[in-house]
C-alpha atoms as a PDB file:
ATOM      1  CA  MET A   1     140.229  93.030  96.096  1.00  0.00           C
ATOM      2  CA  PRO A   2     137.263  92.705  99.101  1.00  0.00           C
ATOM      3  CA  THR A   3     139.173  95.548 101.301  1.00  0.00           C
ATOM      4  CA  SER A   4     140.679  97.235  98.289  1.00  0.00           C
ATOM      5  CA  PHE A   5     136.965  98.361  97.721  1.00  0.00           C
ATOM      6  CA  ILE A   6     136.394  99.607 100.925  1.00  0.00           C
ATOM      7  CA  ASP A   7     139.549 101.036 101.407  1.00  0.00           C
ATOM      8  CA  GLN A   8     139.648 103.382  98.262  1.00  0.00           C
ATOM      9  CA  LEU A   9     136.325 104.449  99.750  1.00  0.00           C
ATOM     10  CA  GLY A  10     137.534 104.912 102.777  1.00  0.00           C
ATOM     11  CA  LEU A  11     135.159 104.233 104.951  1.00  0.00           C
ATOM     12  CA  SER A  12     135.292 102.487 108.771  1.00  0.00           C
ATOM     13  CA  VAL A  13     132.345  99.907 108.004  1.00  0.00           C
ATOM     14  CA  PRO A  14     131.462  97.808 105.276  1.00  0.00           C
ATOM     15  CA  LEU A  15     127.654 100.035 105.089  1.00  0.00           C
ATOM     16  CA  ILE A  16     126.323 101.519 102.292  1.00  0.00           C
ATOM     17  CA  GLN A  17     123.095 104.079 102.822  1.00  0.00           C
ATOM     18  CA  ALA A  18     120.824 102.520  99.615  1.00  0.00           C
ATOM     19  CA  PRO A  19     120.242 105.384  97.716  1.00  0.00           C
ATOM     20  CA  MET A  20     115.907 105.697  98.039  1.00  0.00           C
ATOM     21  CA  ALA A  21     114.895 108.273  95.971  1.00  0.00           C
ATOM     22  CA  GLY A  22     112.233 110.264  97.498  1.00  0.00           C
ATOM     23  CA  VAL A  23     113.623 109.183 100.559  1.00  0.00           C
ATOM     24  CA  SER A  24     116.840 109.582 100.841  1.00  0.00           C
ATOM     25  CA  THR A  25     118.945 113.473 101.237  1.00  0.00           C
ATOM     26  CA  PRO A  26     121.823 115.599 101.380  1.00  0.00           C
ATOM     27  CA  GLU A  27     121.243 115.578 105.468  1.00  0.00           C
ATOM     28  CA  LEU A  28     121.259 111.746 105.343  1.00  0.00           C
ATOM     29  CA  ALA A  29     123.659 110.676 102.781  1.00  0.00           C
ATOM     30  CA  ALA A  30     126.154 113.100 105.041  1.00  0.00           C
ATOM     31  CA  ALA A  31     125.236 111.688 108.332  1.00  0.00           C
ATOM     32  CA  VAL A  32     126.317 108.677 107.474  1.00  0.00           C
ATOM     33  CA  ALA A  33     128.952 109.595 105.721  1.00  0.00           C
ATOM     34  CA  GLU A  34     130.949 110.954 108.690  1.00  0.00           C
ATOM     35  CA  GLN A  35     130.631 107.620 110.860  1.00  0.00           C
ATOM     36  CA  GLY A  36     132.106 106.106 108.348  1.00  0.00           C
ATOM     37  CA  ALA A  37     130.332 104.030 105.819  1.00  0.00           C
ATOM     38  CA  LEU A  38     128.426 105.422 102.473  1.00  0.00           C
ATOM     39  CA  GLY A  39     125.909 107.681 102.247  1.00  0.00           C
ATOM     40  CA  SER A  40     123.777 107.384  98.921  1.00  0.00           C
ATOM     41  CA  ILE A  41     121.538 110.167  97.188  1.00  0.00           C
ATOM     42  CA  GLY A  42     119.230 109.221  94.783  1.00  0.00           C
ATOM     43  CA  VAL A  43     118.579 111.430  92.082  1.00  0.00           C
ATOM     44  CA  GLY A  44     116.330 109.083  89.721  1.00  0.00           C
ATOM     45  CA  ALA A  45     113.183 111.203  90.116  1.00  0.00           C
ATOM     46  CA  THR A  46     114.815 114.580  89.492  1.00  0.00           C
ATOM     47  CA  ASP A  47     116.782 116.962  86.656  1.00  0.00           C
ATOM     48  CA  ALA A  48     120.206 118.074  86.291  1.00  0.00           C
ATOM     49  CA  ALA A  49     119.356 121.041  87.913  1.00  0.00           C
ATOM     50  CA  GLY A  50     117.906 119.142  91.352  1.00  0.00           C
ATOM     51  CA  ALA A  51     120.596 116.317  91.403  1.00  0.00           C
ATOM     52  CA  ARG A  52     122.928 119.334  91.100  1.00  0.00           C
ATOM     53  CA  ALA A  53     121.380 121.074  94.798  1.00  0.00           C
ATOM     54  CA  MET A  54     121.438 117.693  96.239  1.00  0.00           C
ATOM     55  CA  ILE A  55     124.685 117.061  95.491  1.00  0.00           C
ATOM     56  CA  GLU A  56     126.138 120.081  96.461  1.00  0.00           C
ATOM     57  CA  ALA A  57     124.210 120.209  99.656  1.00  0.00           C
ATOM     58  CA  THR A  58     125.761 116.990 100.750  1.00  0.00           C
ATOM     59  CA  ARG A  59     129.134 118.457  99.631  1.00  0.00           C
ATOM     60  CA  ALA A  60     128.531 120.835 101.948  1.00  0.00           C
ATOM     61  CA  ARG A  61     127.729 118.559 104.631  1.00  0.00           C
ATOM     62  CA  THR A  62     130.523 116.290 104.695  1.00  0.00           C
ATOM     63  CA  ASN A  63     134.036 115.372 102.895  1.00  0.00           C
ATOM     64  CA  LYS A  64     133.218 112.182 102.735  1.00  0.00           C
ATOM     65  CA  ALA A  65     132.844 109.759  99.801  1.00  0.00           C
ATOM     66  CA  PHE A  66     129.443 109.178  99.164  1.00  0.00           C
ATOM     67  CA  ASN A  67     126.728 107.678  96.318  1.00  0.00           C
ATOM     68  CA  VAL A  68     125.094 109.322  93.590  1.00  0.00           C
ATOM     69  CA  ASN A  69     122.798 107.147  92.629  1.00  0.00           C
ATOM     70  CA  LEU A  70     120.627 107.010  88.582  1.00  0.00           C
ATOM     71  CA  PHE A  71     117.813 105.249  87.009  1.00  0.00           C
ATOM     72  CA  VAL A  72     119.279 103.737  83.388  1.00  0.00           C
ATOM     73  CA  HIS A  73     115.587 102.287  82.241  1.00  0.00           C
ATOM     74  CA  SER A  74     114.668 102.075  78.988  1.00  0.00           C
ATOM     75  CA  SER A  75     112.554 104.637  77.568  1.00  0.00           C
ATOM     76  CA  ALA A  76     108.738 104.377  77.833  1.00  0.00           C
ATOM     77  CA  THR A  77     106.574 103.432  75.114  1.00  0.00           C
ATOM     78  CA  ALA A  78     103.416 105.103  75.308  1.00  0.00           C
ATOM     79  CA  ASP A  79     100.098 103.527  74.826  1.00  0.00           C
ATOM     80  CA  PRO A  80      97.280 105.790  74.915  1.00  0.00           C
ATOM     81  CA  VAL A  81      94.651 102.947  74.506  1.00  0.00           C
ATOM     82  CA  ARG A  82      96.663 100.700  77.733  1.00  0.00           C
ATOM     83  CA  GLU A  83      97.018 103.998  79.138  1.00  0.00           C
ATOM     84  CA  ALA A  84      93.517 105.350  78.610  1.00  0.00           C
ATOM     85  CA  ALA A  85      92.612 102.010  80.235  1.00  0.00           C
ATOM     86  CA  TRP A  86      94.119 102.120  83.167  1.00  0.00           C
ATOM     87  CA  LEU A  87      93.273 105.391  84.493  1.00  0.00           C
ATOM     88  CA  ASP A  88      89.237 104.145  83.559  1.00  0.00           C
ATOM     89  CA  TRP A  89      89.911 101.102  86.496  1.00  0.00           C
ATOM     90  CA  LEU A  90      91.201 103.777  88.392  1.00  0.00           C
ATOM     91  CA  ALA A  91      88.681 105.649  88.274  1.00  0.00           C
ATOM     92  CA  PRO A  92      85.870 104.528  91.267  1.00  0.00           C
ATOM     93  CA  VAL A  93      89.124 104.868  93.363  1.00  0.00           C
ATOM     94  CA  PHE A  94      90.033 108.283  92.293  1.00  0.00           C
ATOM     95  CA  ALA A  95      85.788 109.150  92.893  1.00  0.00           C
ATOM     96  CA  GLU A  96      85.870 107.115  96.644  1.00  0.00           C
ATOM     97  CA  PHE A  97      87.993 110.727  97.142  1.00  0.00           C
ATOM     98  CA  ASN A  98      85.956 112.696  95.310  1.00  0.00           C
ATOM     99  CA  ALA A  99      88.225 113.570  92.801  1.00  0.00           C
ATOM    100  CA  LYS A 100      88.702 112.605  88.588  1.00  0.00           C
ATOM    101  CA  PRO A 101      91.692 110.583  87.544  1.00  0.00           C
ATOM    102  CA  PRO A 102      93.934 113.067  84.980  1.00  0.00           C
ATOM    103  CA  LYS A 103      92.884 112.787  81.333  1.00  0.00           C
ATOM    104  CA  THR A 104      96.572 111.981  80.205  1.00  0.00           C
ATOM    105  CA  LEU A 105      99.779 110.734  81.695  1.00  0.00           C
ATOM    106  CA  GLN A 106     103.259 111.534  81.385  1.00  0.00           C
ATOM    107  CA  ASN A 107     106.408 110.541  81.210  1.00  0.00           C
ATOM    108  CA  ILE A 108     107.651 112.091  84.962  1.00  0.00           C
ATOM    109  CA  TYR A 109     111.198 110.727  84.789  1.00  0.00           C
ATOM    110  CA  LYS A 110     113.837 110.868  81.888  1.00  0.00           C
ATOM    111  CA  SER A 111     116.190 107.562  82.624  1.00  0.00           C
ATOM    112  CA  PHE A 112     120.088 109.362  82.505  1.00  0.00           C
ATOM    113  CA  ALA A 113     120.373 107.012  79.497  1.00  0.00           C
ATOM    114  CA  ASP A 114     118.797 109.766  77.369  1.00  0.00           C
ATOM    115  CA  ASP A 115     120.072 112.736  79.585  1.00  0.00           C
ATOM    116  CA  PRO A 116     123.020 115.054  78.583  1.00  0.00           C
ATOM    117  CA  ASP A 117     122.443 117.211  80.929  1.00  0.00           C
ATOM    118  CA  MET A 118     122.865 115.026  83.855  1.00  0.00           C
ATOM    119  CA  LEU A 119     125.982 113.605  82.066  1.00  0.00           C
ATOM    120  CA  THR A 120     127.316 117.213  81.949  1.00  0.00           C
ATOM    121  CA  MET A 121     126.337 118.080  85.718  1.00  0.00           C
ATOM    122  CA  LEU A 122     128.018 114.499  86.992  1.00  0.00           C
ATOM    123  CA  LEU A 123     131.325 115.345  85.019  1.00  0.00           C
ATOM    124  CA  ALA A 124     131.309 119.085  85.863  1.00  0.00           C
ATOM    125  CA  LEU A 125     130.567 117.594  89.774  1.00  0.00           C
ATOM    126  CA  ALA A 126     132.670 114.978  89.860  1.00  0.00           C
ATOM    127  CA  PRO A 127     130.636 113.029  93.144  1.00  0.00           C
ATOM    128  CA  PRO A 128     132.543 110.503  94.486  1.00  0.00           C
ATOM    129  CA  VAL A 129     130.889 106.920  93.643  1.00  0.00           C
ATOM    130  CA  VAL A 130     127.971 106.776  90.781  1.00  0.00           C
ATOM    131  CA  SER A 131     125.829 104.237  91.041  1.00  0.00           C
ATOM    132  CA  PHE A 132     123.106 102.964  88.271  1.00  0.00           C
ATOM    133  CA  HIS A 133     119.551 100.873  88.637  1.00  0.00           C
ATOM    134  CA  PHE A 134     117.241  99.179  85.956  1.00  0.00           C
ATOM    135  CA  GLY A 135     120.610  98.804  83.904  1.00  0.00           C
ATOM    136  CA  LEU A 136     123.392 100.645  82.210  1.00  0.00           C
ATOM    137  CA  PRO A 137     124.631 103.934  80.166  1.00  0.00           C
ATOM    138  CA  SER A 138     126.511 103.443  77.246  1.00  0.00           C
ATOM    139  CA  ILE A 139     130.226 102.263  77.257  1.00  0.00           C
ATOM    140  CA  ASP A 140     131.261 105.949  76.242  1.00  0.00           C
ATOM    141  CA  ILE A 141     129.406 107.590  79.394  1.00  0.00           C
ATOM    142  CA  ILE A 142     131.107 105.051  81.642  1.00  0.00           C
ATOM    143  CA  THR A 143     134.518 105.598  80.152  1.00  0.00           C
ATOM    144  CA  ALA A 144     133.723 109.429  80.495  1.00  0.00           C
ATOM    145  CA  LEU A 145     132.779 108.688  84.013  1.00  0.00           C
ATOM    146  CA  HIS A 146     135.815 106.811  84.789  1.00  0.00           C
ATOM    147  CA  ASP A 147     138.147 109.533  83.399  1.00  0.00           C
ATOM    148  CA  ARG A 148     136.844 112.284  85.960  1.00  0.00           C
ATOM    149  CA  GLY A 149     137.994 110.402  88.406  1.00  0.00           C
ATOM    150  CA  ILE A 150     134.381 108.184  89.651  1.00  0.00           C
ATOM    151  CA  MET A 151     134.221 104.329  90.893  1.00  0.00           C
ATOM    152  CA  LEU A 152     130.772 103.410  89.306  1.00  0.00           C
ATOM    153  CA  MET A 153     128.424 100.780  90.938  1.00  0.00           C
ATOM    154  CA  ALA A 154     125.393  99.030  89.295  1.00  0.00           C
ATOM    155  CA  THR A 155     122.611  97.290  90.927  1.00  0.00           C
ATOM    156  CA  ALA A 156     122.293  93.091  89.689  1.00  0.00           C
ATOM    157  CA  THR A 157     119.743  90.581  90.606  1.00  0.00           C
ATOM    158  CA  SER A 158     120.875  87.718  88.614  1.00  0.00           C
ATOM    159  CA  LEU A 159     124.199  86.768  87.591  1.00  0.00           C
ATOM    160  CA  ASN A 160     123.578  87.145  83.623  1.00  0.00           C
ATOM    161  CA  GLU A 161     122.743  91.161  84.859  1.00  0.00           C
ATOM    162  CA  ALA A 162     126.114  90.798  87.022  1.00  0.00           C
ATOM    163  CA  LEU A 163     128.671  89.804  84.192  1.00  0.00           C
ATOM    164  CA  THR A 164     127.269  92.215  82.244  1.00  0.00           C
ATOM    165  CA  ILE A 165     128.031  94.657  84.386  1.00  0.00           C
ATOM    166  CA  GLU A 166     131.505  93.337  85.186  1.00  0.00           C
ATOM    167  CA  GLY A 167     131.350  93.382  81.534  1.00  0.00           C
ATOM    168  CA  ALA A 168     131.343  97.412  81.374  1.00  0.00           C
ATOM    169  CA  GLY A 169     134.024  97.253  83.366  1.00  0.00           C
ATOM    170  CA  ILE A 170     132.050  99.143  86.161  1.00  0.00           C
ATOM    171  CA  ASP A 171     133.736  98.949  90.001  1.00  0.00           C
ATOM    172  CA  ALA A 172     131.496  96.857  92.442  1.00  0.00           C
ATOM    173  CA  ILE A 173     128.146  95.146  91.886  1.00  0.00           C
ATOM    174  CA  VAL A 174     125.404  95.934  93.719  1.00  0.00           C
ATOM    175  CA  ALA A 175     123.584  92.255  94.527  1.00  0.00           C
ATOM    176  CA  GLN A 176     119.920  93.215  95.010  1.00  0.00           C
ATOM    177  CA  GLY A 177     117.942  89.922  96.359  1.00  0.00           C
ATOM    178  CA  ILE A 178     114.201  89.182  96.089  1.00  0.00           C
ATOM    179  CA  GLU A 179     114.133  90.787  99.589  1.00  0.00           C
ATOM    180  CA  ALA A 180     114.467  94.724  99.056  1.00  0.00           C
ATOM    181  CA  GLY A 181     112.519  97.207  99.154  1.00  0.00           C
ATOM    182  CA  GLY A 182     111.357  99.776  96.624  1.00  0.00           C
ATOM    183  CA  HIS A 183     112.308  99.120  93.119  1.00  0.00           C
ATOM    184  CA  ARG A 184     113.448  96.094  91.502  1.00  0.00           C
ATOM    185  CA  GLY A 185     116.487  96.601  89.892  1.00  0.00           C
ATOM    186  CA  ALA A 186     116.214  94.096  86.969  1.00  0.00           C
ATOM    187  CA  PHE A 187     117.335  95.345  83.847  1.00  0.00           C
ATOM    188  CA  ASP A 188     113.872  93.653  82.154  1.00  0.00           C
ATOM    189  CA  PRO A 189     111.026  93.744  84.473  1.00  0.00           C
ATOM    190  CA  PHE A 190     108.961  91.580  81.443  1.00  0.00           C
ATOM    191  CA  ALA A 191     111.580  88.956  81.627  1.00  0.00           C
ATOM    192  CA  SER A 192     111.232  85.738  83.758  1.00  0.00           C
ATOM    193  CA  ASP A 193     112.562  86.381  87.325  1.00  0.00           C
ATOM    194  CA  ASP A 194     114.080  83.802  89.363  1.00  0.00           C
ATOM    195  CA  ALA A 195     113.679  85.742  92.828  1.00  0.00           C
ATOM    196  CA  LEU A 196     117.143  85.136  94.047  1.00  0.00           C
ATOM    197  CA  GLY A 197     117.134  85.664  97.633  1.00  0.00           C
ATOM    198  CA  THR A 198     120.404  87.550  99.420  1.00  0.00           C
ATOM    199  CA  ILE A 199     121.895  84.835 100.592  1.00  0.00           C
ATOM    200  CA  ALA A 200     122.281  83.276  97.241  1.00  0.00           C
ATOM    201  CA  LEU A 201     122.850  85.685  94.965  1.00  0.00           C
ATOM    202  CA  THR A 202     124.982  87.701  96.602  1.00  0.00           C
ATOM    203  CA  ARG A 203     127.247  83.943  97.059  1.00  0.00           C
ATOM    204  CA  LEU A 204     126.997  82.961  93.429  1.00  0.00           C
ATOM    205  CA  LEU A 205     128.211  86.578  92.494  1.00  0.00           C
ATOM    206  CA  VAL A 206     130.652  86.551  94.267  1.00  0.00           C
ATOM    207  CA  LEU A 207     131.771  83.041  93.083  1.00  0.00           C
ATOM    208  CA  GLU A 208     131.541  83.648  89.367  1.00  0.00           C
ATOM    209  CA  THR A 209     132.421  86.934  89.289  1.00  0.00           C
ATOM    210  CA  ASN A 210     135.717  89.432  89.624  1.00  0.00           C
ATOM    211  CA  ARG A 211     133.766  92.029  90.805  1.00  0.00           C
ATOM    212  CA  PRO A 212     134.225  93.562  95.024  1.00  0.00           C
ATOM    213  CA  VAL A 213     129.815  92.162  95.786  1.00  0.00           C
ATOM    214  CA  ILE A 214     127.664  94.741  97.906  1.00  0.00           C
ATOM    215  CA  ALA A 215     124.194  92.358  99.066  1.00  0.00           C
ATOM    216  CA  ALA A 216     121.428  93.976  99.281  1.00  0.00           C
ATOM    217  CA  GLY A 217     117.986  93.374 100.128  1.00  0.00           C
ATOM    218  CA  GLY A 218     115.924  93.132 104.171  1.00  0.00           C
ATOM    219  CA  ILE A 219     119.401  93.414 106.078  1.00  0.00           C
ATOM    220  CA  MET A 220     118.470  95.422 109.059  1.00  0.00           C
ATOM    221  CA  ASP A 221     121.100  95.154 111.812  1.00  0.00           C
ATOM    222  CA  GLY A 222     124.816  94.044 112.556  1.00  0.00           C
ATOM    223  CA  ALA A 223     123.830  89.707 112.618  1.00  0.00           C
ATOM    224  CA  GLY A 224     122.755  90.689 109.059  1.00  0.00           C
ATOM    225  CA  ILE A 225     125.867  92.563 107.575  1.00  0.00           C
ATOM    226  CA  ALA A 226     127.832  89.834 109.463  1.00  0.00           C
ATOM    227  CA  ALA A 227     125.745  87.204 107.581  1.00  0.00           C
ATOM    228  CA  VAL A 228     127.050  88.987 104.100  1.00  0.00           C
ATOM    229  CA  LEU A 229     130.673  89.452 104.661  1.00  0.00           C
ATOM    230  CA  ASP A 230     130.888  85.927 105.982  1.00  0.00           C
ATOM    231  CA  LEU A 231     128.982  85.079 102.068  1.00  0.00           C
ATOM    232  CA  GLY A 232     132.301  87.225 100.525  1.00  0.00           C
ATOM    233  CA  ALA A 233     130.200  90.750 100.352  1.00  0.00           C
ATOM    234  CA  VAL A 234     132.525  93.421 100.336  1.00  0.00           C
ATOM    235  CA  ALA A 235     129.844  95.428 102.367  1.00  0.00           C
ATOM    236  CA  ALA A 236     126.064  94.999 102.992  1.00  0.00           C
ATOM    237  CA  GLN A 237     122.919  98.213 101.500  1.00  0.00           C
ATOM    238  CA  LEU A 238     120.939  98.585 103.376  1.00  0.00           C
ATOM    239  CA  GLY A 239     117.696 101.147 102.792  1.00  0.00           C
ATOM    240  CA  THR A 240     114.651 100.361 104.678  1.00  0.00           C
ATOM    241  CA  ALA A 241     116.511 100.549 107.864  1.00  0.00           C
ATOM    242  CA  PHE A 242     117.447 103.924 107.053  1.00  0.00           C
ATOM    243  CA  ILE A 243     113.720 105.188 106.719  1.00  0.00           C
ATOM    244  CA  ALA A 244     112.944 105.624 110.161  1.00  0.00           C
ATOM    245  CA  CYS A 245     115.625 108.021 110.649  1.00  0.00           C
ATOM    246  CA  PRO A 246     114.582 111.749 111.516  1.00  0.00           C
ATOM    247  CA  GLU A 247     116.527 112.787 108.752  1.00  0.00           C
ATOM    248  CA  SER A 248     115.645 111.003 105.764  1.00  0.00           C
ATOM    249  CA  ALA A 249     112.086 112.051 103.903  1.00  0.00           C
ATOM    250  CA  ALA A 250     109.629 109.712 104.512  1.00  0.00           C
ATOM    251  CA  ASP A 251     106.589 111.479 105.763  1.00  0.00           C
ATOM    252  CA  ASP A 252     104.934 111.221 109.400  1.00  0.00           C
ATOM    253  CA  TRP A 253     102.384 108.159 107.851  1.00  0.00           C
ATOM    254  CA  TYR A 254     104.899 106.560 106.075  1.00  0.00           C
ATOM    255  CA  ARG A 255     106.832 106.066 109.338  1.00  0.00           C
ATOM    256  CA  THR A 256     103.715 105.359 111.017  1.00  0.00           C
ATOM    257  CA  ALA A 257     102.998 102.495 108.413  1.00  0.00           C
ATOM    258  CA  LEU A 258     106.507 101.533 109.213  1.00  0.00           C
ATOM    259  CA  THR A 259     105.834 100.019 112.108  1.00  0.00           C
ATOM    260  CA  GLY A 260     102.244  98.767 111.928  1.00  0.00           C
ATOM    261  CA  SER A 261     101.337  95.370 110.448  1.00  0.00           C
ATOM    262  CA  GLY A 262     101.988  96.365 107.084  1.00  0.00           C
ATOM    263  CA  ALA A 263     105.442  96.448 107.791  1.00  0.00           C
ATOM    264  CA  HIS A 264     104.725  92.627 108.069  1.00  0.00           C
ATOM    265  CA  HIS A 265     103.227  91.557 104.915  1.00  0.00           C
ATOM    266  CA  THR A 266     105.482  93.728 102.361  1.00  0.00           C
ATOM    267  CA  SER A 267     104.857  92.701  98.336  1.00  0.00           C
ATOM    268  CA  MET A 268     106.042  92.806  95.039  1.00  0.00           C
ATOM    269  CA  THR A 269     103.976  95.044  92.830  1.00  0.00           C
ATOM    270  CA  SER A 270     104.367  97.138  89.323  1.00  0.00           C
ATOM    271  CA  LEU A 271     100.839  98.936  89.717  1.00  0.00           C
ATOM    272  CA  ILE A 272     101.920 101.906  91.922  1.00  0.00           C
ATOM    273  CA  SER A 273     105.165 102.054  89.111  1.00  0.00           C
ATOM    274  CA  GLY A 274     104.251 100.069  86.216  1.00  0.00           C
ATOM    275  CA  ARG A 275     107.642  98.486  87.500  1.00  0.00           C
ATOM    276  CA  PRO A 276     107.883  95.523  90.627  1.00  0.00           C
ATOM    277  CA  ALA A 277     109.172  97.236  93.844  1.00  0.00           C
ATOM    278  CA  ARG A 278     108.766  95.769  97.621  1.00  0.00           C
ATOM    279  CA  ALA A 279     106.557  98.044  99.448  1.00  0.00           C
ATOM    280  CA  LEU A 280     104.644  97.932 102.797  1.00  0.00           C
ATOM    281  CA  ALA A 281     101.181  96.393 102.041  1.00  0.00           C
ATOM    282  CA  ASN A 282      98.626  98.929 101.915  1.00  0.00           C
ATOM    283  CA  ARG A 283      95.154 100.455 100.156  1.00  0.00           C
ATOM    284  CA  PHE A 284      97.658 100.857  97.428  1.00  0.00           C
ATOM    285  CA  THR A 285      98.889  97.381  97.008  1.00  0.00           C
ATOM    286  CA  GLY A 286      95.941  96.545  97.970  1.00  0.00           C
ATOM    287  CA  LEU A 287      94.666  96.788  94.329  1.00  0.00           C
ATOM    288  CA  ALA A 288      96.287  94.181  93.677  1.00  0.00           C
ATOM    289  CA  ALA A 289      94.024  91.925  94.264  1.00  0.00           C
ATOM    290  CA  ALA A 290      91.735  92.816  91.462  1.00  0.00           C
ATOM    291  CA  ILE A 291      93.980  94.051  88.920  1.00  0.00           C
ATOM    292  CA  GLY A 292      93.204  90.940  86.888  1.00  0.00           C
ATOM    293  CA  SER A 293      94.452  90.714  83.562  1.00  0.00           C
ATOM    294  CA  ARG A 294      95.439  94.575  83.325  1.00  0.00           C
ATOM    295  CA  GLN A 295      98.655  95.172  82.739  1.00  0.00           C
ATOM    296  CA  PRO A 296     100.077  98.971  83.990  1.00  0.00           C
ATOM    297  CA  PRO A 297     101.700 101.672  81.177  1.00  0.00           C
ATOM    298  CA  ASP A 298     105.262 101.871  81.033  1.00  0.00           C
ATOM    299  CA  TYR A 299     107.092 103.027  84.504  1.00  0.00           C
ATOM    300  CA  PRO A 300     107.173 105.321  84.608  1.00  0.00           C
ATOM    301  CA  ILE A 301     104.239 106.585  83.120  1.00  0.00           C
ATOM    302  CA  ALA A 302     102.406 104.242  85.118  1.00  0.00           C
ATOM    303  CA  TYR A 303     103.465 106.216  88.201  1.00  0.00           C
ATOM    304  CA  ASP A 304     102.243 109.509  87.468  1.00  0.00           C
ATOM    305  CA  ALA A 305      99.234 108.129  87.468  1.00  0.00           C
ATOM    306  CA  GLY A 306      99.598 106.452  91.217  1.00  0.00           C
ATOM    307  CA  LYS A 307     101.045 109.720  92.263  1.00  0.00           C
ATOM    308  CA  ALA A 308      97.649 111.479  91.147  1.00  0.00           C
ATOM    309  CA  LEU A 309      95.380 108.631  93.203  1.00  0.00           C
ATOM    310  CA  HIS A 310      98.138 109.412  95.760  1.00  0.00           C
ATOM    311  CA  ALA A 311      97.508 113.172  96.083  1.00  0.00           C
ATOM    312  CA  ALA A 312      93.583 112.728  95.513  1.00  0.00           C
ATOM    313  CA  ALA A 313      93.293 110.521  98.291  1.00  0.00           C
ATOM    314  CA  LYS A 314      95.721 112.269 100.701  1.00  0.00           C
ATOM    315  CA  ALA A 315      93.698 115.517 100.176  1.00  0.00           C
ATOM    316  CA  LYS A 316      90.846 113.798 101.664  1.00  0.00           C
ATOM    317  CA  GLY A 317      93.104 112.355 104.991  1.00  0.00           C
ATOM    318  CA  GLU A 318      93.606 108.990 103.361  1.00  0.00           C
ATOM    319  CA  TYR A 319      98.062 108.102 103.593  1.00  0.00           C
ATOM    320  CA  GLY A 320      97.089 104.438 102.252  1.00  0.00           C
ATOM    321  CA  PHE A 321      97.943 105.451  98.289  1.00  0.00           C
ATOM    322  CA  GLY A 322     101.341 106.303  99.422  1.00  0.00           C
ATOM    323  CA  ALA A 323     104.353 104.508  97.425  1.00  0.00           C
ATOM    324  CA  GLN A 324     105.308 103.753 100.843  1.00  0.00           C
ATOM    325  CA  TRP A 325     108.894 101.208  99.437  1.00  0.00           C
ATOM    326  CA  ALA A 326     110.480  98.868 102.148  1.00  0.00           C
ATOM    327  CA  GLY A 327     111.760  95.511 102.122  1.00  0.00           C
ATOM    328  CA  GLN A 328     111.072  92.072 103.871  1.00  0.00           C
ATOM    329  CA  GLY A 329     113.428  92.885 106.988  1.00  0.00           C
ATOM    330  CA  ALA A 330     110.040  96.325 107.828  1.00  0.00           C
ATOM    331  CA  PRO A 331     109.667  95.156 110.987  1.00  0.00           C
ATOM    332  CA  LEU A 332     113.483  95.169 112.254  1.00  0.00           C
ATOM    333  CA  ALA A 333     113.320  99.108 111.642  1.00  0.00           C
ATOM    334  CA  ARG A 334     114.702 101.576 114.458  1.00  0.00           C
ATOM    335  CA  ALA A 335     113.716 105.223 114.465  1.00  0.00           C
ATOM    336  CA  MET A 336     117.011 106.733 116.031  1.00  0.00           C
ATOM    337  CA  PRO A 337     119.259 109.339 114.302  1.00  0.00           C
ATOM    338  CA  ALA A 338     121.189 108.336 111.303  1.00  0.00           C
ATOM    339  CA  ALA A 339     124.649 108.923 112.961  1.00  0.00           C
ATOM    340  CA  GLU A 340     123.242 106.769 115.546  1.00  0.00           C
ATOM    341  CA  LEU A 341     122.341 104.051 113.541  1.00  0.00           C
ATOM    342  CA  VAL A 342     125.458 103.405 111.928  1.00  0.00           C
ATOM    343  CA  GLU A 343     127.445 103.115 115.590  1.00  0.00           C
ATOM    344  CA  LEU A 344     124.367 100.746 116.462  1.00  0.00           C
ATOM    345  CA  LEU A 345     124.796  98.971 113.401  1.00  0.00           C
ATOM    346  CA  ARG A 346     128.893  98.920 113.690  1.00  0.00           C
ATOM    347  CA  THR A 347     128.778  97.947 117.315  1.00  0.00           C
ATOM    348  CA  GLU A 348     126.579  95.098 116.584  1.00  0.00           C
ATOM    349  CA  LEU A 349     128.851  93.928 113.934  1.00  0.00           C
ATOM    350  CA  GLN A 350     131.680  93.877 116.351  1.00  0.00           C
ATOM    351  CA  HIS A 351     129.596  91.707 118.659  1.00  0.00           C
ATOM    352  CA  CYS A 352     129.427  89.397 116.349  1.00  0.00           C
ATOM    353  CA  ARG A 353     133.056  89.330 114.749  1.00  0.00           C
ATOM    354  CA  ASP A 354     134.221  88.888 118.739  1.00  0.00           C
ATOM    355  CA  ALA A 355     131.726  85.960 119.178  1.00  0.00           C
ATOM    356  CA  VAL A 356     133.750  83.661 116.165  1.00  0.00           C
END
């Protein structure tokens, strides 16, 4: 089983570039794929038309396998009172930049579970791999995607989630440790989280499930890849390691922050988007010290406020309110073209294997 998954995808290196919505691009995914790893694009922050354009752009650059990642979050529940209170709390921060918060907040991202147009597009284009974050779509959707020859992956942050993924017939499980950057893939963001690290979670899922396991979280170099392969993972998924690549969509301020002191102090916070996510320490994450018992609106409604605040601050030259997602391995990031990074990771992994 461990080798068959990699072989089916035609990978020459057991590496997956994480599908970071808003950061991963067709150029990045294709560059990774051309070097024998699995490139990824994240389409959770766009609609079916936008996703189609990204898939077609990726295909125009490579004929190798790549992954399309979708958000399958529970539908947000609008709460005008809580949303108004949240905007009132943020108002003084907006005022610092001579701006006012929006009068109302919108549900800016549609869940794949509620997006028949996205399903229709995926069935038409049949990308090689589709992966799910925040949960799973219905069995009917899973069956329809499988019937088109699409391999499926899904993120688990616990054994229970992994067993649900296995029971749904998904082909592989991404074991997301607490070290990982970006949004926590937990199915229920309000449930108790054991916050398992990558090592513990990967080993647990390898022993307790019958699916290939892909380790994710805090892995930045070949030594990290070798370590999780030794635990029984079939591959490692790296996201933060690719942010500094020129092919990513990270802006200059995000790249600069990745090399600054904030990279040593990432934190998990829900105040930016409404769901727990790990980000570089910046002005936005610093608001957590004053949040008290307040609860942000549901994801992605809270994200509408976060994006508005970032826009207001950016207009005045302050870039510390961006959603600068990154994992705990951020200080180990290396800026180089994606193809060079994949080749370096391959070489480092081989050195580790030769040393055994």
